[in-house]
N, C-alpha and C. Protein backbone atom coordinates (compact mmCIF):
# COMPACT_ATOMS: atom_id res chain seq x y z
N MET A 1 0.91 -1.12 -0.02
CA MET A 1 -0.03 -0.06 -0.10
C MET A 1 0.97 1.27 0.06
N ASP A 2 0.71 2.10 -0.98
CA ASP A 2 1.44 3.37 -1.08
C ASP A 2 0.53 4.32 -0.26
N MET A 3 0.95 4.45 1.08
CA MET A 3 0.29 5.36 1.77
C MET A 3 0.42 6.81 1.58
N SER A 4 -0.48 7.65 1.90
CA SER A 4 -0.51 9.00 1.72
C SER A 4 -1.54 9.49 2.66
N VAL A 5 -1.27 9.53 4.01
CA VAL A 5 -2.16 10.12 5.15
C VAL A 5 -2.17 11.51 5.20
N ASP A 6 -3.09 12.23 4.61
CA ASP A 6 -3.13 13.80 4.56
C ASP A 6 -1.93 14.22 4.33
N GLY A 7 -1.17 13.72 3.14
CA GLY A 7 0.11 14.10 2.58
C GLY A 7 0.79 13.09 2.17
N MET A 8 2.21 13.13 1.45
CA MET A 8 2.95 12.15 1.21
C MET A 8 3.91 11.78 1.95
N ASN A 9 4.43 12.54 2.92
CA ASN A 9 5.46 12.13 3.95
C ASN A 9 4.86 11.59 5.35
N ASN A 10 4.88 10.37 5.36
CA ASN A 10 4.41 9.55 6.55
C ASN A 10 5.52 8.80 7.20
N SER A 11 5.15 8.37 8.51
CA SER A 11 6.07 7.45 9.28
C SER A 11 5.21 6.36 9.82
N VAL A 12 5.86 5.33 10.22
CA VAL A 12 4.96 4.02 10.75
C VAL A 12 5.47 3.95 12.22
N TYR A 13 4.48 3.63 13.03
CA TYR A 13 4.88 3.21 14.42
C TYR A 13 4.25 1.98 14.70
N GLU A 14 5.02 1.09 15.33
CA GLU A 14 4.43 -0.03 16.10
C GLU A 14 3.88 0.32 17.39
N VAL A 15 2.49 -0.23 17.85
CA VAL A 15 1.88 0.19 19.12
C VAL A 15 1.48 -1.09 19.75
N ASP A 16 2.34 -1.40 20.85
CA ASP A 16 1.97 -2.54 21.82
C ASP A 16 0.99 -1.90 23.07
N THR A 17 0.32 -2.80 23.44
CA THR A 17 -0.35 -2.74 24.65
C THR A 17 0.44 -3.21 25.90
N GLU A 18 0.57 -2.32 27.03
CA GLU A 18 1.48 -2.84 28.22
C GLU A 18 0.66 -2.57 29.31
N SER A 19 0.89 -3.38 30.29
CA SER A 19 0.16 -3.13 31.56
C SER A 19 1.00 -2.20 32.76
N ALA A 20 0.34 -1.33 33.02
CA ALA A 20 1.01 -0.36 33.88
C ALA A 20 1.51 -1.11 35.26
N PRO A 21 2.56 -0.80 35.71
CA PRO A 21 2.99 -1.64 37.14
C PRO A 21 2.32 -0.81 38.38
N LEU A 22 2.04 -2.06 39.34
CA LEU A 22 1.41 -1.45 40.39
C LEU A 22 2.00 -0.46 41.29
N GLY A 23 0.98 0.48 41.94
CA GLY A 23 1.65 1.46 42.51
C GLY A 23 0.60 2.55 42.79
N ASP A 24 1.05 3.74 43.19
CA ASP A 24 0.06 4.84 43.73
C ASP A 24 -0.85 5.26 42.45
N GLU A 25 -0.18 5.04 41.28
CA GLU A 25 -0.98 5.41 40.07
C GLU A 25 -1.94 4.27 39.44
N ASN A 26 -1.44 3.24 39.97
CA ASN A 26 -2.32 1.90 39.44
C ASN A 26 -2.51 1.04 40.76
N PRO A 27 -3.35 1.56 41.74
CA PRO A 27 -3.49 0.56 42.95
C PRO A 27 -4.30 -0.53 42.65
N TYR A 28 -5.16 -0.70 41.79
CA TYR A 28 -6.00 -1.73 41.53
C TYR A 28 -5.32 -2.61 40.64
N GLY A 29 -4.29 -2.30 39.99
CA GLY A 29 -3.74 -3.06 38.98
C GLY A 29 -4.38 -3.41 37.64
N ASN A 30 -5.31 -2.68 37.18
CA ASN A 30 -6.13 -2.86 35.92
C ASN A 30 -5.75 -1.80 35.08
N ALA A 31 -4.77 -1.02 35.18
CA ALA A 31 -4.42 0.00 34.14
C ALA A 31 -3.63 -0.59 33.12
N PHE A 32 -3.62 0.07 31.70
CA PHE A 32 -2.96 -0.34 30.76
C PHE A 32 -2.67 0.73 29.63
N TYR A 33 -1.72 0.59 29.03
CA TYR A 33 -1.49 1.85 27.92
C TYR A 33 -0.80 1.49 26.67
N ALA A 34 -0.96 2.16 25.65
CA ALA A 34 -0.54 1.96 24.40
C ALA A 34 0.89 2.67 24.34
N LYS A 35 2.09 1.72 23.75
CA LYS A 35 3.15 2.17 23.70
C LYS A 35 3.51 2.19 22.19
N SER A 36 3.89 3.49 21.64
CA SER A 36 4.20 3.72 20.19
C SER A 36 5.87 3.88 20.11
N THR A 37 6.07 3.04 19.13
CA THR A 37 7.50 2.89 18.74
C THR A 37 7.62 3.29 17.31
N LEU A 38 8.42 4.28 16.96
CA LEU A 38 8.91 4.65 15.45
C LEU A 38 9.76 3.57 14.81
N LEU A 39 9.18 3.21 13.77
CA LEU A 39 10.05 2.15 12.86
C LEU A 39 10.73 3.25 11.86
N SER A 40 12.07 3.49 12.11
CA SER A 40 12.65 4.76 11.37
C SER A 40 13.55 4.29 10.26
N THR A 41 13.84 2.88 10.28
CA THR A 41 14.55 2.33 8.97
C THR A 41 13.92 1.11 8.37
N GLU A 42 14.36 0.73 7.35
CA GLU A 42 13.67 -0.54 6.78
C GLU A 42 14.12 -1.90 7.66
N SER A 43 15.05 -1.86 8.13
CA SER A 43 15.49 -3.02 9.12
C SER A 43 14.51 -3.04 10.29
N GLU A 44 14.32 -1.74 11.00
CA GLU A 44 13.57 -1.66 12.13
C GLU A 44 12.20 -2.07 11.56
N ALA A 45 11.59 -1.89 10.48
CA ALA A 45 10.20 -2.16 10.03
C ALA A 45 9.86 -3.38 9.40
N GLN A 46 10.64 -4.56 9.66
CA GLN A 46 10.53 -5.76 9.54
C GLN A 46 9.75 -6.56 10.81
N ARG A 47 8.54 -6.44 10.89
CA ARG A 47 7.82 -6.96 11.97
C ARG A 47 6.92 -8.17 11.90
N LEU A 48 6.70 -8.76 13.12
CA LEU A 48 5.62 -9.75 13.23
C LEU A 48 4.49 -9.34 14.06
N ILE A 49 3.43 -9.87 13.83
CA ILE A 49 2.24 -9.68 14.83
C ILE A 49 2.71 -10.11 16.07
N GLU A 50 1.88 -9.68 17.14
CA GLU A 50 2.05 -10.09 18.42
C GLU A 50 0.91 -10.15 19.23
N PRO A 51 -0.15 -11.05 19.04
CA PRO A 51 -1.47 -10.78 19.79
C PRO A 51 -1.43 -10.78 21.11
N ALA A 52 -0.37 -11.30 21.96
CA ALA A 52 -0.31 -11.02 23.43
C ALA A 52 -0.09 -9.45 23.79
N LYS A 53 0.14 -8.75 22.85
CA LYS A 53 0.41 -7.21 22.96
C LYS A 53 -0.83 -6.32 22.39
N ALA A 54 -1.75 -7.12 21.64
CA ALA A 54 -2.64 -6.41 20.89
C ALA A 54 -1.95 -5.38 19.75
N ARG A 55 -0.67 -5.88 19.25
CA ARG A 55 -0.05 -5.15 18.26
C ARG A 55 -0.84 -4.50 17.19
N TYR A 56 -0.74 -3.41 16.60
CA TYR A 56 -1.03 -2.91 15.54
C TYR A 56 0.04 -1.87 15.13
N TRP A 57 -0.17 -1.52 13.85
CA TRP A 57 1.00 -0.40 13.43
C TRP A 57 -0.07 0.87 12.92
N LYS A 58 0.53 1.94 13.00
CA LYS A 58 -0.05 3.06 12.44
C LYS A 58 0.67 3.87 11.56
N ILE A 59 0.09 4.33 10.40
CA ILE A 59 0.81 5.18 9.54
C ILE A 59 0.45 6.77 9.80
N VAL A 60 1.37 7.49 10.36
CA VAL A 60 1.18 8.93 10.81
C VAL A 60 1.62 9.99 9.87
N ASN A 61 1.24 10.82 9.69
CA ASN A 61 1.57 12.25 9.19
C ASN A 61 1.85 13.13 10.23
N PRO A 62 3.25 13.32 10.43
CA PRO A 62 3.70 14.02 11.85
C PRO A 62 3.57 15.49 11.74
N SER A 63 3.17 15.97 10.55
CA SER A 63 3.17 17.49 10.25
C SER A 63 1.65 17.77 10.27
N VAL A 64 0.52 16.89 10.30
CA VAL A 64 -0.71 17.42 10.41
C VAL A 64 -1.29 17.00 11.63
N HIS A 65 -2.09 17.74 12.27
CA HIS A 65 -2.76 17.46 13.52
C HIS A 65 -4.19 17.74 13.47
N ASN A 66 -4.97 16.96 14.41
CA ASN A 66 -6.32 16.99 14.33
C ASN A 66 -6.73 18.25 15.32
N ARG A 67 -8.00 18.53 15.53
CA ARG A 67 -8.34 19.61 16.63
C ARG A 67 -7.63 19.27 18.00
N MET A 68 -7.37 18.17 18.40
CA MET A 68 -7.15 17.58 19.69
C MET A 68 -5.65 17.54 19.84
N GLY A 69 -5.10 17.98 18.90
CA GLY A 69 -3.50 17.96 18.89
C GLY A 69 -2.84 16.60 18.46
N TYR A 70 -3.45 15.69 18.03
CA TYR A 70 -2.91 14.38 17.75
C TYR A 70 -2.71 14.42 16.23
N PRO A 71 -1.29 14.05 16.05
CA PRO A 71 -1.18 13.70 14.55
C PRO A 71 -1.91 12.75 13.89
N VAL A 72 -2.49 13.02 12.63
CA VAL A 72 -3.27 12.33 11.97
C VAL A 72 -2.79 10.85 11.55
N SER A 73 -3.38 9.91 11.65
CA SER A 73 -2.96 8.68 11.15
C SER A 73 -4.11 7.59 10.84
N TYR A 74 -3.86 6.60 10.16
CA TYR A 74 -4.59 5.49 10.13
C TYR A 74 -3.93 4.12 10.67
N LYS A 75 -4.57 3.15 11.21
CA LYS A 75 -3.84 2.10 11.80
C LYS A 75 -4.22 0.96 11.19
N LEU A 76 -3.33 -0.10 11.05
CA LEU A 76 -3.47 -1.34 10.33
C LEU A 76 -3.51 -2.30 11.48
N VAL A 77 -4.66 -2.92 11.50
CA VAL A 77 -5.01 -4.02 12.46
C VAL A 77 -5.26 -5.33 11.58
N HIS A 78 -4.50 -6.30 12.13
CA HIS A 78 -4.42 -7.70 11.42
C HIS A 78 -5.45 -8.27 11.84
N GLY A 79 -5.91 -9.25 10.91
CA GLY A 79 -6.97 -10.31 11.25
C GLY A 79 -6.38 -11.63 11.60
N GLU A 80 -7.11 -12.72 11.01
CA GLU A 80 -6.10 -14.08 11.05
C GLU A 80 -4.96 -14.01 10.58
N ASN A 81 -3.84 -14.48 11.17
CA ASN A 81 -2.57 -14.67 10.41
C ASN A 81 -1.69 -15.55 11.23
N SER A 82 -0.57 -16.22 10.84
CA SER A 82 0.39 -16.81 11.41
C SER A 82 1.55 -16.65 10.68
N PRO A 83 2.79 -17.20 11.24
CA PRO A 83 4.00 -17.24 10.54
C PRO A 83 3.76 -18.39 9.61
N PRO A 84 4.84 -18.44 8.43
CA PRO A 84 4.89 -19.48 7.84
C PRO A 84 5.44 -20.78 8.24
N PHE A 85 5.14 -22.05 8.18
CA PHE A 85 5.63 -23.11 8.87
C PHE A 85 6.55 -23.90 7.79
N ALA A 86 6.85 -23.60 6.59
CA ALA A 86 7.87 -24.13 5.81
C ALA A 86 9.58 -23.76 6.41
N HIS A 87 10.22 -24.72 6.13
CA HIS A 87 11.56 -24.65 6.87
C HIS A 87 12.33 -23.59 6.16
N PRO A 88 13.26 -22.94 6.72
CA PRO A 88 13.86 -21.77 6.19
C PRO A 88 14.48 -22.17 4.74
N GLU A 89 15.01 -23.27 4.57
CA GLU A 89 15.70 -23.74 3.49
C GLU A 89 14.94 -24.26 2.37
N ALA A 90 13.62 -24.21 2.57
CA ALA A 90 12.60 -24.71 1.45
C ALA A 90 12.63 -23.63 0.44
N SER A 91 12.37 -24.24 -0.73
CA SER A 91 12.39 -23.37 -1.88
C SER A 91 11.37 -22.20 -1.93
N VAL A 92 10.21 -22.68 -1.48
CA VAL A 92 9.20 -21.69 -1.51
C VAL A 92 9.49 -20.51 -0.27
N THR A 93 10.09 -20.71 0.82
CA THR A 93 10.75 -19.78 1.71
C THR A 93 11.75 -18.94 1.10
N LYS A 94 12.71 -19.64 0.38
CA LYS A 94 13.83 -18.67 -0.36
C LYS A 94 13.15 -17.84 -1.39
N ARG A 95 12.12 -18.52 -2.22
CA ARG A 95 11.67 -17.40 -3.16
C ARG A 95 10.64 -16.37 -2.83
N ALA A 96 9.83 -16.80 -1.61
CA ALA A 96 9.07 -15.83 -1.02
C ALA A 96 9.37 -15.26 0.45
N GLY A 97 10.62 -14.75 0.28
CA GLY A 97 11.19 -14.45 1.59
C GLY A 97 10.23 -13.39 2.40
N TYR A 98 9.57 -12.77 1.58
CA TYR A 98 8.75 -11.60 2.30
C TYR A 98 7.84 -12.19 3.25
N MET A 99 7.51 -13.44 3.05
CA MET A 99 6.32 -14.14 3.95
C MET A 99 6.91 -14.35 5.54
N THR A 100 8.22 -14.21 5.67
CA THR A 100 8.85 -14.45 6.95
C THR A 100 8.73 -13.30 7.93
N LYS A 101 8.15 -12.26 7.40
CA LYS A 101 7.86 -11.07 8.28
C LYS A 101 6.41 -10.60 7.91
N HIS A 102 5.37 -10.02 8.87
CA HIS A 102 4.15 -9.65 8.59
C HIS A 102 4.12 -8.27 7.95
N LEU A 103 5.31 -7.39 8.36
CA LEU A 103 5.34 -6.05 7.94
C LEU A 103 6.68 -5.68 7.43
N TRP A 104 6.55 -5.10 6.49
CA TRP A 104 7.71 -4.35 5.93
C TRP A 104 7.42 -2.87 5.48
N VAL A 105 8.34 -2.17 5.71
CA VAL A 105 8.03 -0.80 5.16
C VAL A 105 9.12 -0.15 4.19
N THR A 106 9.02 0.39 3.18
CA THR A 106 10.28 0.70 2.22
C THR A 106 9.57 2.06 1.76
N PRO A 107 10.73 3.03 1.35
CA PRO A 107 10.45 4.28 0.62
C PRO A 107 9.74 3.88 -0.76
N TYR A 108 8.91 4.67 -1.10
CA TYR A 108 8.39 4.54 -2.60
C TYR A 108 9.52 4.30 -3.59
N ASP A 109 9.39 3.46 -4.40
CA ASP A 109 10.31 3.28 -5.53
C ASP A 109 9.49 2.51 -6.76
N PRO A 110 9.23 3.22 -7.89
CA PRO A 110 8.30 2.62 -9.09
C PRO A 110 8.92 1.34 -9.48
N GLU A 111 10.22 1.10 -9.22
CA GLU A 111 10.77 -0.37 -9.72
C GLU A 111 10.40 -1.46 -8.67
N GLU A 112 10.05 -1.02 -7.40
CA GLU A 112 9.76 -2.24 -6.48
C GLU A 112 8.17 -2.43 -6.40
N ARG A 113 7.64 -3.31 -7.23
CA ARG A 113 6.47 -3.65 -7.36
C ARG A 113 5.80 -5.08 -7.01
N PHE A 114 6.74 -6.05 -6.88
CA PHE A 114 6.27 -7.21 -6.27
C PHE A 114 7.23 -7.82 -5.31
N PRO A 115 6.61 -8.11 -4.15
CA PRO A 115 7.33 -8.46 -2.76
C PRO A 115 8.34 -9.59 -3.09
N ALA A 116 8.03 -10.58 -4.04
CA ALA A 116 9.03 -11.61 -4.33
C ALA A 116 9.74 -11.56 -5.40
N GLY A 117 9.92 -10.19 -5.96
CA GLY A 117 10.95 -9.85 -7.21
C GLY A 117 9.75 -10.11 -8.60
N GLU A 118 10.62 -9.68 -9.53
CA GLU A 118 9.92 -10.12 -10.79
C GLU A 118 9.77 -11.47 -11.26
N TYR A 119 10.61 -12.27 -11.11
CA TYR A 119 10.36 -13.70 -11.56
C TYR A 119 10.85 -14.75 -10.37
N PRO A 120 9.78 -15.04 -9.72
CA PRO A 120 10.21 -15.67 -8.39
C PRO A 120 10.28 -17.06 -8.67
N ASN A 121 9.48 -17.82 -9.85
CA ASN A 121 9.80 -19.21 -10.10
C ASN A 121 10.79 -19.45 -10.81
N GLN A 122 11.70 -18.49 -11.40
CA GLN A 122 12.90 -18.88 -12.03
C GLN A 122 14.21 -18.31 -11.09
N ASN A 123 13.79 -18.03 -9.79
CA ASN A 123 14.91 -17.21 -8.95
C ASN A 123 15.36 -18.27 -7.82
N PRO A 124 16.66 -18.45 -7.65
CA PRO A 124 16.83 -19.12 -6.45
C PRO A 124 16.54 -18.89 -5.07
N GLY A 125 16.23 -17.50 -5.05
CA GLY A 125 15.79 -16.71 -3.78
C GLY A 125 16.49 -15.72 -3.38
N GLY A 126 15.93 -14.88 -2.51
CA GLY A 126 16.46 -13.58 -2.03
C GLY A 126 16.29 -12.38 -2.70
N ASP A 127 15.29 -12.50 -3.64
CA ASP A 127 14.82 -11.26 -4.34
C ASP A 127 13.63 -10.55 -3.79
N GLY A 128 13.18 -9.55 -4.22
CA GLY A 128 12.07 -8.86 -3.70
C GLY A 128 12.42 -8.02 -2.38
N LEU A 129 11.68 -7.90 -1.34
CA LEU A 129 11.77 -7.30 -0.11
C LEU A 129 13.10 -7.52 0.51
N PRO A 130 13.23 -8.82 0.72
CA PRO A 130 14.64 -9.03 1.32
C PRO A 130 15.92 -8.32 0.91
N LYS A 131 15.89 -8.39 -0.56
CA LYS A 131 17.03 -7.70 -1.36
C LYS A 131 16.91 -5.98 -1.33
N TRP A 132 15.65 -5.69 -1.48
CA TRP A 132 15.39 -4.29 -1.47
C TRP A 132 15.85 -3.57 -0.36
N THR A 133 15.55 -4.22 1.07
CA THR A 133 15.77 -3.66 2.29
C THR A 133 17.22 -3.95 2.83
N GLN A 134 18.17 -4.36 1.96
CA GLN A 134 19.54 -4.45 2.66
C GLN A 134 20.18 -3.28 2.47
N ALA A 135 19.68 -2.17 1.71
CA ALA A 135 20.49 -0.90 2.05
C ALA A 135 19.95 -0.13 3.22
N ASN A 136 18.66 -0.75 4.00
CA ASN A 136 18.57 -0.18 5.23
C ASN A 136 18.24 1.23 5.00
N GLU A 137 17.40 1.68 4.16
CA GLU A 137 17.15 3.12 3.93
C GLU A 137 16.22 3.87 4.81
N SER A 138 15.94 5.11 5.10
CA SER A 138 15.14 5.62 6.03
C SER A 138 13.81 5.40 5.75
N VAL A 139 12.78 5.19 6.70
CA VAL A 139 11.44 5.21 6.04
C VAL A 139 10.68 6.27 7.22
N GLU A 140 11.30 7.05 7.81
CA GLU A 140 10.89 8.17 8.59
C GLU A 140 10.50 9.43 7.63
N ASN A 141 9.05 9.75 7.83
CA ASN A 141 8.58 11.15 7.18
C ASN A 141 9.05 11.27 5.65
N THR A 142 8.50 10.25 5.21
CA THR A 142 8.80 10.08 3.54
C THR A 142 7.59 9.51 2.91
N ASP A 143 7.61 9.31 1.64
CA ASP A 143 6.75 8.88 0.91
C ASP A 143 7.03 7.18 1.25
N VAL A 144 6.11 6.39 2.09
CA VAL A 144 6.28 4.89 2.23
C VAL A 144 5.29 4.04 1.67
N VAL A 145 5.83 2.99 1.34
CA VAL A 145 5.03 1.95 1.01
C VAL A 145 5.00 0.91 2.10
N VAL A 146 3.79 0.39 2.58
CA VAL A 146 3.49 -0.53 3.66
C VAL A 146 3.12 -1.65 3.11
N TRP A 147 3.89 -2.94 3.41
CA TRP A 147 3.70 -4.26 2.83
C TRP A 147 3.22 -5.14 4.00
N TYR A 148 2.04 -5.62 3.76
CA TYR A 148 1.51 -6.28 5.06
C TYR A 148 1.35 -7.78 4.31
N THR A 149 1.90 -8.80 5.08
CA THR A 149 1.79 -10.17 4.64
C THR A 149 0.73 -10.93 5.48
N PHE A 150 -0.21 -11.54 4.92
CA PHE A 150 -1.09 -12.43 5.62
C PHE A 150 -1.45 -13.79 5.07
N GLY A 151 -1.87 -14.81 5.75
CA GLY A 151 -1.93 -15.92 5.20
C GLY A 151 -2.68 -16.92 6.03
N HIS A 152 -3.32 -17.80 5.41
CA HIS A 152 -4.41 -18.67 6.21
C HIS A 152 -3.60 -20.24 6.27
N THR A 153 -3.31 -20.53 7.50
CA THR A 153 -2.82 -21.92 7.63
C THR A 153 -3.87 -23.08 7.88
N HIS A 154 -3.94 -23.61 6.80
CA HIS A 154 -4.98 -24.82 6.48
C HIS A 154 -4.56 -26.05 6.84
N ILE A 155 -5.17 -26.45 8.05
CA ILE A 155 -4.96 -27.90 8.59
C ILE A 155 -6.35 -28.62 8.36
N PRO A 156 -6.27 -29.48 7.08
CA PRO A 156 -7.47 -30.26 6.75
C PRO A 156 -8.33 -30.91 7.84
N ARG A 157 -9.67 -30.82 7.60
CA ARG A 157 -10.46 -31.57 8.62
C ARG A 157 -11.77 -32.33 7.60
N ALA A 158 -12.28 -33.00 8.44
CA ALA A 158 -13.26 -33.91 7.82
C ALA A 158 -14.35 -32.85 6.85
N GLU A 159 -14.64 -31.85 7.51
CA GLU A 159 -15.78 -30.93 7.15
C GLU A 159 -15.20 -30.13 5.78
N ASP A 160 -13.87 -30.41 5.53
CA ASP A 160 -13.33 -29.83 4.24
C ASP A 160 -13.90 -30.67 3.06
N TRP A 161 -14.18 -31.92 3.22
CA TRP A 161 -14.62 -32.70 1.88
C TRP A 161 -15.81 -32.94 1.76
N PRO A 162 -16.30 -32.75 0.53
CA PRO A 162 -15.61 -32.87 -0.72
C PRO A 162 -15.21 -31.46 -1.18
N VAL A 163 -15.76 -30.25 -0.44
CA VAL A 163 -15.50 -28.91 -0.70
C VAL A 163 -15.30 -28.35 0.35
N MET A 164 -14.14 -27.61 0.49
CA MET A 164 -13.77 -26.89 1.50
C MET A 164 -14.66 -25.51 1.92
N PRO A 165 -15.19 -25.36 3.03
CA PRO A 165 -15.96 -24.17 3.28
C PRO A 165 -15.07 -22.88 3.20
N THR A 166 -15.83 -21.87 3.10
CA THR A 166 -15.11 -20.50 2.96
C THR A 166 -14.18 -20.25 4.04
N ALA A 167 -12.99 -19.54 3.90
CA ALA A 167 -12.18 -19.12 5.01
C ALA A 167 -11.92 -17.63 4.76
N TYR A 168 -12.24 -16.82 5.74
CA TYR A 168 -12.09 -15.43 5.71
C TYR A 168 -10.73 -14.94 6.27
N ILE A 169 -10.28 -14.15 5.70
CA ILE A 169 -8.92 -13.66 5.97
C ILE A 169 -8.65 -12.12 5.60
N GLY A 170 -7.97 -11.34 6.30
CA GLY A 170 -7.70 -9.96 5.67
C GLY A 170 -7.31 -9.24 6.90
N PHE A 171 -7.38 -7.72 6.61
CA PHE A 171 -6.91 -6.81 7.69
C PHE A 171 -7.78 -5.60 7.68
N THR A 172 -7.46 -4.76 8.59
CA THR A 172 -8.46 -3.50 8.61
C THR A 172 -7.55 -2.31 8.75
N LEU A 173 -7.82 -1.16 7.94
CA LEU A 173 -7.27 0.36 7.91
C LEU A 173 -8.22 0.96 8.61
N LYS A 174 -8.16 1.54 9.83
CA LYS A 174 -8.93 2.38 10.44
C LYS A 174 -8.35 3.77 10.84
N PRO A 175 -9.11 4.87 10.67
CA PRO A 175 -8.62 6.43 10.98
C PRO A 175 -8.37 6.18 12.44
N ALA A 176 -7.26 6.88 12.73
CA ALA A 176 -6.87 6.85 14.20
C ALA A 176 -6.53 8.27 14.47
N ASN A 177 -7.47 9.02 15.15
CA ASN A 177 -7.19 10.56 15.21
C ASN A 177 -7.10 11.25 13.89
N PHE A 178 -7.61 10.69 12.74
CA PHE A 178 -7.44 11.38 11.64
C PHE A 178 -8.73 12.49 11.54
N PHE A 179 -9.70 12.37 12.15
CA PHE A 179 -10.83 12.97 12.17
C PHE A 179 -10.86 13.83 13.53
N ASP A 180 -11.63 14.72 13.72
CA ASP A 180 -11.92 15.66 14.90
C ASP A 180 -12.80 14.97 15.82
N LEU A 181 -13.67 14.21 15.25
CA LEU A 181 -14.59 13.41 16.00
C LEU A 181 -15.37 12.27 15.00
N ASN A 182 -16.43 11.67 15.37
CA ASN A 182 -16.86 10.57 14.55
C ASN A 182 -17.54 11.24 13.27
N PRO A 183 -17.08 10.96 12.21
CA PRO A 183 -17.61 11.69 10.75
C PRO A 183 -18.86 11.29 10.57
N ALA A 184 -19.48 10.20 11.30
CA ALA A 184 -20.96 9.67 11.10
C ALA A 184 -21.92 10.63 11.93
N ASN A 185 -21.39 11.61 12.57
CA ASN A 185 -22.28 12.11 13.77
C ASN A 185 -23.28 13.24 12.95
N ASP A 186 -22.98 13.54 11.89
CA ASP A 186 -23.72 14.63 11.04
C ASP A 186 -24.62 14.05 9.76
N VAL A 187 -24.67 12.52 9.74
CA VAL A 187 -25.33 11.93 8.77
C VAL A 187 -26.89 11.90 9.24
N PRO A 188 -27.70 12.51 8.30
CA PRO A 188 -29.06 12.59 8.74
C PRO A 188 -29.63 11.07 8.64
N PRO A 189 -30.50 10.89 9.56
CA PRO A 189 -31.36 9.53 9.69
C PRO A 189 -32.07 9.33 8.43
N SER A 190 -32.39 8.23 7.95
CA SER A 190 -33.25 7.99 6.77
C SER A 190 -34.74 8.26 7.16
N PRO A 191 -35.77 8.49 6.39
CA PRO A 191 -37.14 8.86 6.40
C PRO A 191 -37.65 7.74 7.46
N ALA A 192 -37.25 6.64 7.09
CA ALA A 192 -37.74 5.50 7.87
C ALA A 192 -37.58 5.39 9.32
N LYS A 193 -36.39 5.88 9.63
CA LYS A 193 -36.07 6.26 10.91
C LYS A 193 -36.61 7.14 11.64
N HIS A 194 -36.93 8.25 10.92
CA HIS A 194 -37.76 9.26 11.44
C HIS A 194 -39.13 8.77 11.64
N LYS A 195 -39.61 8.02 11.12
CA LYS A 195 -40.96 7.49 11.11
C LYS A 195 -40.96 6.50 12.38
N CYS A 196 -39.82 5.74 12.48
CA CYS A 196 -39.80 4.83 13.61
C CYS A 196 -39.74 5.70 14.99
N HIS A 197 -38.77 6.73 14.98
CA HIS A 197 -38.78 7.55 16.31
C HIS A 197 -40.16 8.26 16.52
N TYR A 198 -40.69 8.66 15.53
CA TYR A 198 -42.23 9.33 15.84
C TYR A 198 -43.05 8.34 16.55
N ALA A 199 -43.12 6.89 16.08
CA ALA A 199 -44.07 5.88 16.33
C ALA A 199 -43.55 5.62 17.81
N ILE A 200 -42.45 5.41 18.25
CA ILE A 200 -41.94 5.10 19.48
C ILE A 200 -42.27 6.27 20.35
N LYS A 201 -42.28 7.50 19.98
CA LYS A 201 -42.53 8.63 20.74
C LYS A 201 -44.26 8.65 21.41
N LEU A 202 -45.03 8.12 20.37
CA LEU A 202 -46.30 8.02 20.46
C LEU A 202 -46.83 6.76 21.08
N ASN A 203 -45.79 5.89 21.52
CA ASN A 203 -46.13 4.52 22.16
C ASN A 203 -47.04 3.66 21.20
N SER A 204 -46.67 4.07 19.85
CA SER A 204 -47.24 3.12 18.81
C SER A 204 -46.72 1.89 18.63
N VAL A 205 -47.28 0.87 18.00
CA VAL A 205 -46.74 -0.63 17.68
C VAL A 205 -46.48 -0.53 16.22
N GLY A 206 -46.02 -1.56 15.78
CA GLY A 206 -45.90 -1.61 14.14
C GLY A 206 -44.75 -0.97 13.79
N CYS A 207 -43.74 -0.48 14.39
CA CYS A 207 -42.50 0.18 14.06
C CYS A 207 -41.87 -0.49 13.21
N LYS A 208 -41.41 -0.14 11.97
CA LYS A 208 -40.69 -1.03 11.20
C LYS A 208 -39.35 -0.38 10.64
């Protein structure tokens, strides 16, 4: 994804949720907070999901702020995912080295189009993202491309025969302080809702 969050120059942060230590500010032990870490270079931005930390990543424009003073951003929230289980020496792992990390961030380059390189089936391995990121370029406050890798680990079961049911997989991009408030607040209700509200006020029945 060639990100452009309210402008071309963006930065990517990794956000982990951590428990606050017990003490005067957390006497009941139920406090927690989000810790943001800037991923400033290509090597730093090769990351894995971490469900135990409720990890997500946010793409931020540090130069633009919303009404509350937060830099505008969108966050990438993973869905079902797992690491690959092929051996590191397997041909598929060598040719698709990008799948060993869930997140990669690179500066935009029109020549870098495919995460496994141009010709993965004829390549012994190492092309694409693993090769491009060897230069360890800066990805801070620049035109960034965010590469998110996600896959479904399929362990066959009896219910998959003779036709496997649908498996859902994906991710979500959510605005995170991009707006000043909920952008749906000023959406007018439909005429049906007007009628429904009116019927309820009159203690009527049959509201649809």
